[in-house]
Amino acid sequence: MRALLKGTAAMPSIMLVALVAWSMICGLAVQAQDDFDFFYFVQQWPGSYCDTRRGCCFPLSSNPKAVFGIHGLWPNYDDGSWPDFCTKEPFNPKELADVVDQMDDDWGSLACPASDSHSFWTHEWTKHGTCSGLGQHGYFQSAIDLYGKHDITGALAKAGILPDGKHYQVDAIRHAISTVLDGHLPGIDCNKDGHGNRQLYQVYICVGKDGKTLIECPIFPRNECKGSVEFPVFDPHHHRLNSGGANDTGMRSDH
């Protein structure tokens, strides 16, 4: 009887320990979704995606415009590393009914084969959005809002930097874009065209953890380019398409 009473008395303690452990696990799970230092808001030039050897395919829902488009909103650490795949919450397009038209216009996939961009958005959400702490609608809405407020294509044009196949200094590109970023300098990423020429590809804008406030970049992309780069022509009506290209769901170029 004494042993039975002792065991019964111990049960609340065991339950308490279990509850504390469960609370800690839940706390870590919540923390993991907000465990980063800042966002990279990344825009890419479609001409520099399409004129590589892999080519491109236009989205089924709309043709890309001759402007920088959204690549992603990526949580990052100050040391240049990043969290990814923080939860198993699946991409749910039903939550995005009020922003999907804007996403079609400004955040379309150029990967082959041609698609409705859902696989691209799924990748961006599962890898990056699940670590943002913003929730699914908030994550995509934040990127759309940032895009609408900061016209980097227009800023470059105002400075006489045009997608005309000519070469421009990276420093001039950065300073031109900073005029629509409250003076903050962006990171500039380059790739190579089908002939091996280095060209302007992506712009990295640094944003606070609220997904709204522009900040000075704590660190720039690892493959940031310098010197002189080409700004290639992009004509949405005549640009060569490659329907047989590799399927690229929008993986980070600095990964």
C-alpha atoms as a PDB file:
ATOM      1  CA  MET A   1       0.000   0.000   0.000  1.00  0.00           C
ATOM      2  CA  ARG A   2       2.819   2.383   0.920  1.00  0.00           C
ATOM      3  CA  ALA A   3       4.501   1.701  -2.448  1.00  0.00           C
ATOM      4  CA  LEU A   4       1.221   2.337  -4.243  1.00  0.00           C
ATOM      5  CA  LEU A   5       0.747   5.653  -2.457  1.00  0.00           C
ATOM      6  CA  LYS A   6       4.329   6.633  -3.222  1.00  0.00           C
ATOM      7  CA  GLY A   7       3.779   5.869  -6.923  1.00  0.00           C
ATOM      8  CA  THR A   8       0.526   7.822  -6.921  1.00  0.00           C
ATOM      9  CA  ALA A   9       2.208  10.813  -5.309  1.00  0.00           C
ATOM     10  CA  ALA A  10       4.930  10.732  -7.944  1.00  0.00           C
ATOM     11  CA  MET A  11       2.482  10.922 -10.852  1.00  0.00           C
ATOM     12  CA  PRO A  12       1.814  14.697 -10.607  1.00  0.00           C
ATOM     13  CA  SER A  13       5.561  15.323 -10.655  1.00  0.00           C
ATOM     14  CA  ILE A  14       5.976  13.182 -13.762  1.00  0.00           C
ATOM     15  CA  MET A  15       3.087  14.974 -15.456  1.00  0.00           C
ATOM     16  CA  LEU A  16       4.575  18.350 -14.503  1.00  0.00           C
ATOM     17  CA  VAL A  17       7.929  17.424 -16.016  1.00  0.00           C
ATOM     18  CA  ALA A  18       6.193  16.237 -19.188  1.00  0.00           C
ATOM     19  CA  LEU A  19       4.215  19.482 -19.449  1.00  0.00           C
ATOM     20  CA  VAL A  20       7.345  21.584 -18.965  1.00  0.00           C
ATOM     21  CA  ALA A  21       9.180  19.573 -21.619  1.00  0.00           C
ATOM     22  CA  TRP A  22       6.277  19.952 -24.049  1.00  0.00           C
ATOM     23  CA  SER A  23       6.142  23.698 -23.420  1.00  0.00           C
ATOM     24  CA  MET A  24       9.854  23.976 -24.138  1.00  0.00           C
ATOM     25  CA  ILE A  25       9.471  22.033 -27.395  1.00  0.00           C
ATOM     26  CA  CYS A  26       6.576  24.244 -28.476  1.00  0.00           C
ATOM     27  CA  GLY A  27       8.544  27.338 -27.523  1.00  0.00           C
ATOM     28  CA  LEU A  28      11.501  26.225 -29.611  1.00  0.00           C
ATOM     29  CA  ALA A  29       9.215  25.522 -32.573  1.00  0.00           C
ATOM     30  CA  VAL A  30       7.741  29.028 -32.379  1.00  0.00           C
ATOM     31  CA  GLN A  31      11.171  30.571 -31.911  1.00  0.00           C
ATOM     32  CA  ALA A  32      12.519  28.737 -34.957  1.00  0.00           C
ATOM     33  CA  GLN A  33      10.005  30.567 -37.157  1.00  0.00           C
ATOM     34  CA  ASP A  34      11.393  33.919 -36.037  1.00  0.00           C
ATOM     35  CA  ASP A  35      15.033  33.008 -35.459  1.00  0.00           C
ATOM     36  CA  PHE A  36      16.886  35.264 -37.899  1.00  0.00           C
ATOM     37  CA  ASP A  37      18.322  38.784 -38.081  1.00  0.00           C
ATOM     38  CA  PHE A  38      16.959  40.396 -41.249  1.00  0.00           C
ATOM     39  CA  PHE A  39      15.434  39.713 -44.666  1.00  0.00           C
ATOM     40  CA  TYR A  40      16.967  39.840 -48.109  1.00  0.00           C
ATOM     41  CA  PHE A  41      14.280  41.068 -50.502  1.00  0.00           C
ATOM     42  CA  VAL A  42      15.601  39.849 -53.853  1.00  0.00           C
ATOM     43  CA  GLN A  43      14.569  41.055 -57.301  1.00  0.00           C
ATOM     44  CA  GLN A  44      15.891  39.626 -60.564  1.00  0.00           C
ATOM     45  CA  TRP A  45      16.251  40.925 -64.107  1.00  0.00           C
ATOM     46  CA  PRO A  46      14.376  38.544 -66.465  1.00  0.00           C
ATOM     47  CA  GLY A  47      16.773  39.160 -69.342  1.00  0.00           C
ATOM     48  CA  SER A  48      19.672  37.809 -67.284  1.00  0.00           C
ATOM     49  CA  TYR A  49      17.698  34.704 -66.365  1.00  0.00           C
ATOM     50  CA  CYS A  50      16.574  33.991 -69.920  1.00  0.00           C
ATOM     51  CA  ASP A  51      19.823  34.514 -71.827  1.00  0.00           C
ATOM     52  CA  THR A  52      21.761  31.866 -69.915  1.00  0.00           C
ATOM     53  CA  ARG A  53      22.370  28.498 -71.540  1.00  0.00           C
ATOM     54  CA  ARG A  54      19.377  26.973 -69.770  1.00  0.00           C
ATOM     55  CA  GLY A  55      17.020  29.583 -71.259  1.00  0.00           C
ATOM     56  CA  CYS A  56      13.601  30.270 -69.768  1.00  0.00           C
ATOM     57  CA  CYS A  57       9.882  29.656 -70.152  1.00  0.00           C
ATOM     58  CA  PHE A  58       7.245  32.301 -69.569  1.00  0.00           C
ATOM     59  CA  PRO A  59       4.538  31.692 -66.935  1.00  0.00           C
ATOM     60  CA  LEU A  60       1.230  30.334 -68.205  1.00  0.00           C
ATOM     61  CA  SER A  61      -0.689  33.066 -66.399  1.00  0.00           C
ATOM     62  CA  SER A  62       1.135  36.130 -67.787  1.00  0.00           C
ATOM     63  CA  ASN A  63       4.129  37.307 -69.786  1.00  0.00           C
ATOM     64  CA  PRO A  64       6.963  38.902 -67.820  1.00  0.00           C
ATOM     65  CA  LYS A  65       7.492  42.625 -68.224  1.00  0.00           C
ATOM     66  CA  ALA A  66      10.792  44.345 -68.955  1.00  0.00           C
ATOM     67  CA  VAL A  67      11.232  45.226 -65.286  1.00  0.00           C
ATOM     68  CA  PHE A  68      12.899  43.607 -62.303  1.00  0.00           C
ATOM     69  CA  GLY A  69      10.617  40.961 -60.804  1.00  0.00           C
ATOM     70  CA  ILE A  70      10.405  39.391 -57.362  1.00  0.00           C
ATOM     71  CA  HIS A  71      12.560  36.365 -56.634  1.00  0.00           C
ATOM     72  CA  GLY A  72      11.948  36.073 -52.914  1.00  0.00           C
ATOM     73  CA  LEU A  73      11.928  37.386 -49.359  1.00  0.00           C
ATOM     74  CA  TRP A  74      14.598  35.434 -47.490  1.00  0.00           C
ATOM     75  CA  PRO A  75      15.288  35.386 -43.732  1.00  0.00           C
ATOM     76  CA  ASN A  76      19.014  35.696 -43.122  1.00  0.00           C
ATOM     77  CA  TYR A  77      21.569  35.837 -40.317  1.00  0.00           C
ATOM     78  CA  ASP A  78      24.122  38.608 -39.892  1.00  0.00           C
ATOM     79  CA  ASP A  79      26.941  36.143 -40.612  1.00  0.00           C
ATOM     80  CA  GLY A  80      25.581  35.363 -44.089  1.00  0.00           C
ATOM     81  CA  SER A  81      23.969  32.022 -43.247  1.00  0.00           C
ATOM     82  CA  TRP A  82      20.209  31.485 -43.149  1.00  0.00           C
ATOM     83  CA  PRO A  83      17.474  29.281 -41.696  1.00  0.00           C
ATOM     84  CA  ASP A  84      15.289  27.206 -43.995  1.00  0.00           C
ATOM     85  CA  PHE A  85      12.371  24.763 -43.935  1.00  0.00           C
ATOM     86  CA  CYS A  86      11.444  25.816 -40.385  1.00  0.00           C
ATOM     87  CA  THR A  87       7.991  24.193 -40.267  1.00  0.00           C
ATOM     88  CA  LYS A  88       5.982  21.679 -42.265  1.00  0.00           C
ATOM     89  CA  GLU A  89       3.125  24.078 -42.981  1.00  0.00           C
ATOM     90  CA  PRO A  90       2.201  23.485 -46.654  1.00  0.00           C
ATOM     91  CA  PHE A  91       1.709  26.205 -49.232  1.00  0.00           C
ATOM     92  CA  ASN A  92      -1.991  27.100 -49.349  1.00  0.00           C
ATOM     93  CA  PRO A  93      -3.045  29.224 -52.350  1.00  0.00           C
ATOM     94  CA  LYS A  94      -6.506  29.713 -50.812  1.00  0.00           C
ATOM     95  CA  GLU A  95      -4.923  32.086 -48.290  1.00  0.00           C
ATOM     96  CA  LEU A  96      -3.640  34.275 -51.127  1.00  0.00           C
ATOM     97  CA  ALA A  97      -6.828  34.870 -53.105  1.00  0.00           C
ATOM     98  CA  ASP A  98      -6.576  38.648 -52.711  1.00  0.00           C
ATOM     99  CA  VAL A  99      -2.921  38.893 -53.795  1.00  0.00           C
ATOM    100  CA  VAL A 100      -2.534  36.129 -56.375  1.00  0.00           C
ATOM    101  CA  ASP A 101      -3.186  38.432 -59.346  1.00  0.00           C
ATOM    102  CA  GLN A 102      -0.396  40.716 -58.168  1.00  0.00           C
ATOM    103  CA  MET A 103       1.856  37.705 -57.671  1.00  0.00           C
ATOM    104  CA  ASP A 104       1.129  36.565 -61.227  1.00  0.00           C
ATOM    105  CA  ASP A 105       2.214  39.983 -62.506  1.00  0.00           C
ATOM    106  CA  ASP A 106       5.286  40.559 -60.333  1.00  0.00           C
ATOM    107  CA  TRP A 107       6.414  37.169 -58.993  1.00  0.00           C
ATOM    108  CA  GLY A 108       6.110  34.757 -61.897  1.00  0.00           C
ATOM    109  CA  SER A 109       8.381  31.782 -62.504  1.00  0.00           C
ATOM    110  CA  LEU A 110      10.697  31.781 -65.522  1.00  0.00           C
ATOM    111  CA  ALA A 111      11.702  28.156 -65.003  1.00  0.00           C
ATOM    112  CA  CYS A 112      11.054  25.459 -67.574  1.00  0.00           C
ATOM    113  CA  PRO A 113       8.731  23.821 -68.244  1.00  0.00           C
ATOM    114  CA  ALA A 114       6.221  26.680 -68.248  1.00  0.00           C
ATOM    115  CA  SER A 115       3.909  26.658 -65.233  1.00  0.00           C
ATOM    116  CA  ASP A 116       1.354  28.687 -63.299  1.00  0.00           C
ATOM    117  CA  SER A 117       4.169  29.625 -60.830  1.00  0.00           C
ATOM    118  CA  HIS A 118       2.618  27.638 -57.972  1.00  0.00           C
ATOM    119  CA  SER A 119       5.652  25.351 -57.704  1.00  0.00           C
ATOM    120  CA  PHE A 120       7.885  28.435 -57.461  1.00  0.00           C
ATOM    121  CA  TRP A 121       5.732  30.011 -54.742  1.00  0.00           C
ATOM    122  CA  THR A 122       5.558  26.670 -52.935  1.00  0.00           C
ATOM    123  CA  HIS A 123       9.348  26.542 -52.864  1.00  0.00           C
ATOM    124  CA  GLU A 124       9.642  30.120 -51.618  1.00  0.00           C
ATOM    125  CA  TRP A 125       7.112  29.500 -48.841  1.00  0.00           C
ATOM    126  CA  THR A 126       8.353  26.106 -47.635  1.00  0.00           C
ATOM    127  CA  LYS A 127      12.038  27.023 -47.693  1.00  0.00           C
ATOM    128  CA  HIS A 128      11.967  30.693 -46.683  1.00  0.00           C
ATOM    129  CA  GLY A 129       8.455  31.764 -45.697  1.00  0.00           C
ATOM    130  CA  THR A 130       8.115  29.156 -42.958  1.00  0.00           C
ATOM    131  CA  CYS A 131      11.050  30.842 -41.194  1.00  0.00           C
ATOM    132  CA  SER A 132       9.692  34.396 -41.521  1.00  0.00           C
ATOM    133  CA  GLY A 133       7.312  34.486 -38.557  1.00  0.00           C
ATOM    134  CA  LEU A 134       4.876  36.451 -40.745  1.00  0.00           C
ATOM    135  CA  GLY A 135       2.316  33.771 -41.550  1.00  0.00           C
ATOM    136  CA  GLN A 136       1.574  32.734 -45.102  1.00  0.00           C
ATOM    137  CA  HIS A 137      -0.535  35.696 -46.212  1.00  0.00           C
ATOM    138  CA  GLY A 138       1.683  38.162 -44.369  1.00  0.00           C
ATOM    139  CA  TYR A 139       4.804  36.748 -45.989  1.00  0.00           C
ATOM    140  CA  PHE A 140       3.621  37.133 -49.574  1.00  0.00           C
ATOM    141  CA  GLN A 141       1.851  40.433 -48.867  1.00  0.00           C
ATOM    142  CA  SER A 142       5.056  41.882 -47.395  1.00  0.00           C
ATOM    143  CA  ALA A 143       7.002  41.061 -50.554  1.00  0.00           C
ATOM    144  CA  ILE A 144       4.282  42.521 -52.787  1.00  0.00           C
ATOM    145  CA  ASP A 145       4.173  45.719 -50.695  1.00  0.00           C
ATOM    146  CA  LEU A 146       7.955  46.134 -50.770  1.00  0.00           C
ATOM    147  CA  TYR A 147       7.965  45.643 -54.514  1.00  0.00           C
ATOM    148  CA  GLY A 148       5.302  48.288 -55.045  1.00  0.00           C
ATOM    149  CA  LYS A 149       7.113  50.881 -52.930  1.00  0.00           C
ATOM    150  CA  HIS A 150      10.628  50.578 -54.356  1.00  0.00           C
ATOM    151  CA  ASP A 151      10.886  50.824 -58.148  1.00  0.00           C
ATOM    152  CA  ILE A 152      14.479  49.855 -58.866  1.00  0.00           C
ATOM    153  CA  THR A 153      13.935  49.617 -62.640  1.00  0.00           C
ATOM    154  CA  GLY A 154      12.732  53.221 -62.648  1.00  0.00           C
ATOM    155  CA  ALA A 155      15.601  54.347 -60.426  1.00  0.00           C
ATOM    156  CA  LEU A 156      18.142  52.873 -62.838  1.00  0.00           C
ATOM    157  CA  ALA A 157      16.434  54.457 -65.849  1.00  0.00           C
ATOM    158  CA  LYS A 158      16.428  57.847 -64.131  1.00  0.00           C
ATOM    159  CA  ALA A 159      20.205  57.524 -63.729  1.00  0.00           C
ATOM    160  CA  GLY A 160      20.626  56.640 -67.405  1.00  0.00           C
ATOM    161  CA  ILE A 161      21.300  52.951 -66.670  1.00  0.00           C
ATOM    162  CA  LEU A 162      19.212  51.052 -69.201  1.00  0.00           C
ATOM    163  CA  PRO A 163      18.835  47.411 -70.343  1.00  0.00           C
ATOM    164  CA  ASP A 164      20.501  48.146 -73.666  1.00  0.00           C
ATOM    165  CA  GLY A 165      23.287  45.568 -73.704  1.00  0.00           C
ATOM    166  CA  LYS A 166      25.880  48.116 -72.592  1.00  0.00           C
ATOM    167  CA  HIS A 167      28.212  47.881 -69.601  1.00  0.00           C
ATOM    168  CA  TYR A 168      27.780  49.901 -66.411  1.00  0.00           C
ATOM    169  CA  GLN A 169      29.778  50.234 -63.214  1.00  0.00           C
ATOM    170  CA  VAL A 170      28.352  48.249 -60.303  1.00  0.00           C
ATOM    171  CA  ASP A 171      28.970  51.180 -57.952  1.00  0.00           C
ATOM    172  CA  ALA A 172      26.837  53.409 -60.203  1.00  0.00           C
ATOM    173  CA  ILE A 173      24.088  50.772 -60.231  1.00  0.00           C
ATOM    174  CA  ARG A 174      24.107  50.495 -56.434  1.00  0.00           C
ATOM    175  CA  HIS A 175      23.998  54.253 -55.896  1.00  0.00           C
ATOM    176  CA  ALA A 176      21.184  54.698 -58.431  1.00  0.00           C
ATOM    177  CA  ILE A 177      19.059  52.053 -56.704  1.00  0.00           C
ATOM    178  CA  SER A 178      19.795  53.535 -53.266  1.00  0.00           C
ATOM    179  CA  THR A 179      17.759  56.620 -54.246  1.00  0.00           C
ATOM    180  CA  VAL A 180      14.557  54.564 -53.843  1.00  0.00           C
ATOM    181  CA  LEU A 181      15.836  52.712 -50.751  1.00  0.00           C
ATOM    182  CA  ASP A 182      16.105  55.691 -48.388  1.00  0.00           C
ATOM    183  CA  GLY A 183      19.811  55.884 -49.166  1.00  0.00           C
ATOM    184  CA  HIS A 184      20.580  52.256 -48.265  1.00  0.00           C
ATOM    185  CA  LEU A 185      22.951  50.487 -50.646  1.00  0.00           C
ATOM    186  CA  PRO A 186      21.779  47.140 -52.072  1.00  0.00           C
ATOM    187  CA  GLY A 187      23.809  44.055 -52.861  1.00  0.00           C
ATOM    188  CA  ILE A 188      24.330  43.271 -56.550  1.00  0.00           C
ATOM    189  CA  ASP A 189      24.501  39.719 -57.879  1.00  0.00           C
ATOM    190  CA  CYS A 190      25.732  38.818 -61.364  1.00  0.00           C
ATOM    191  CA  ASN A 191      25.531  35.727 -63.531  1.00  0.00           C
ATOM    192  CA  LYS A 192      26.869  34.840 -66.987  1.00  0.00           C
ATOM    193  CA  ASP A 193      25.028  34.733 -70.286  1.00  0.00           C
ATOM    194  CA  GLY A 194      25.300  31.932 -72.827  1.00  0.00           C
ATOM    195  CA  HIS A 195      28.596  33.371 -74.083  1.00  0.00           C
ATOM    196  CA  GLY A 196      30.165  33.704 -70.643  1.00  0.00           C
ATOM    197  CA  ASN A 197      29.711  37.476 -70.319  1.00  0.00           C
ATOM    198  CA  ARG A 198      29.090  38.767 -66.789  1.00  0.00           C
ATOM    199  CA  GLN A 199      25.777  40.578 -66.416  1.00  0.00           C
ATOM    200  CA  LEU A 200      23.491  42.255 -63.879  1.00  0.00           C
ATOM    201  CA  TYR A 201      21.190  39.571 -62.483  1.00  0.00           C
ATOM    202  CA  GLN A 202      19.773  40.205 -58.993  1.00  0.00           C
ATOM    203  CA  VAL A 203      19.424  43.035 -56.486  1.00  0.00           C
ATOM    204  CA  TYR A 204      19.472  42.284 -52.740  1.00  0.00           C
ATOM    205  CA  ILE A 205      17.582  44.782 -50.568  1.00  0.00           C
ATOM    206  CA  CYS A 206      17.897  44.457 -46.785  1.00  0.00           C
ATOM    207  CA  VAL A 207      14.732  44.636 -44.695  1.00  0.00           C
ATOM    208  CA  GLY A 208      14.066  44.432 -40.954  1.00  0.00           C
ATOM    209  CA  LYS A 209      12.331  41.481 -39.320  1.00  0.00           C
ATOM    210  CA  ASP A 210       8.969  43.236 -39.601  1.00  0.00           C
ATOM    211  CA  GLY A 211       9.131  42.696 -43.374  1.00  0.00           C
ATOM    212  CA  LYS A 212       8.614  46.427 -43.971  1.00  0.00           C
ATOM    213  CA  THR A 213      11.490  48.589 -42.764  1.00  0.00           C
ATOM    214  CA  LEU A 214      14.521  49.092 -45.005  1.00  0.00           C
ATOM    215  CA  ILE A 215      17.867  48.765 -43.217  1.00  0.00           C
ATOM    216  CA  GLU A 216      21.586  48.905 -43.948  1.00  0.00           C
ATOM    217  CA  CYS A 217      22.740  45.490 -45.104  1.00  0.00           C
ATOM    218  CA  PRO A 218      24.643  43.717 -42.299  1.00  0.00           C
ATOM    219  CA  ILE A 219      26.323  41.601 -44.970  1.00  0.00           C
ATOM    220  CA  PHE A 220      26.184  41.382 -48.754  1.00  0.00           C
ATOM    221  CA  PRO A 221      25.747  38.233 -50.877  1.00  0.00           C
ATOM    222  CA  ARG A 222      28.792  36.003 -51.122  1.00  0.00           C
ATOM    223  CA  ASN A 223      28.933  36.281 -54.900  1.00  0.00           C
ATOM    224  CA  GLU A 224      28.377  40.033 -55.069  1.00  0.00           C
ATOM    225  CA  CYS A 225      29.920  41.406 -58.250  1.00  0.00           C
ATOM    226  CA  LYS A 226      32.106  44.457 -58.727  1.00  0.00           C
ATOM    227  CA  GLY A 227      33.557  46.469 -61.571  1.00  0.00           C
ATOM    228  CA  SER A 228      31.698  46.718 -64.872  1.00  0.00           C
ATOM    229  CA  VAL A 229      28.754  44.501 -65.874  1.00  0.00           C
ATOM    230  CA  GLU A 230      26.408  44.227 -68.823  1.00  0.00           C
ATOM    231  CA  PHE A 231      22.738  45.171 -68.456  1.00  0.00           C
ATOM    232  CA  PRO A 232      21.209  42.877 -71.107  1.00  0.00           C
ATOM    233  CA  VAL A 233      18.243  43.650 -73.311  1.00  0.00           C
ATOM    234  CA  PHE A 234      14.959  41.918 -72.524  1.00  0.00           C
ATOM    235  CA  ASP A 235      12.063  42.014 -74.977  1.00  0.00           C
ATOM    236  CA  PRO A 236       9.097  40.007 -73.624  1.00  0.00           C
ATOM    237  CA  HIS A 237       7.615  39.732 -77.121  1.00  0.00           C
ATOM    238  CA  HIS A 238      10.674  38.474 -78.963  1.00  0.00           C
ATOM    239  CA  HIS A 239      12.955  36.975 -76.346  1.00  0.00           C
ATOM    240  CA  ARG A 240      14.074  33.442 -77.136  1.00  0.00           C
ATOM    241  CA  LEU A 241      12.326  30.782 -75.074  1.00  0.00           C
ATOM    242  CA  ASN A 242      13.797  27.421 -74.257  1.00  0.00           C
ATOM    243  CA  SER A 243      10.997  24.992 -73.439  1.00  0.00           C
ATOM    244  CA  GLY A 244      13.484  22.216 -72.843  1.00  0.00           C
ATOM    245  CA  GLY A 245      15.461  23.924 -70.094  1.00  0.00           C
ATOM    246  CA  ALA A 246      16.098  22.473 -66.676  1.00  0.00           C
ATOM    247  CA  ASN A 247      13.401  22.848 -64.075  1.00  0.00           C
ATOM    248  CA  ASP A 248      14.633  25.510 -61.662  1.00  0.00           C
ATOM    249  CA  THR A 249      12.205  26.272 -58.853  1.00  0.00           C
ATOM    250  CA  GLY A 250      13.993  29.448 -57.860  1.00  0.00           C
ATOM    251  CA  MET A 251      16.832  28.177 -55.687  1.00  0.00           C
ATOM    252  CA  ARG A 252      19.009  30.829 -54.104  1.00  0.00           C
ATOM    253  CA  SER A 253      22.013  31.657 -56.226  1.00  0.00           C
ATOM    254  CA  ASP A 254      24.130  32.122 -53.076  1.00  0.00           C
ATOM    255  CA  HIS A 255      23.151  28.753 -51.609  1.00  0.00           C
END
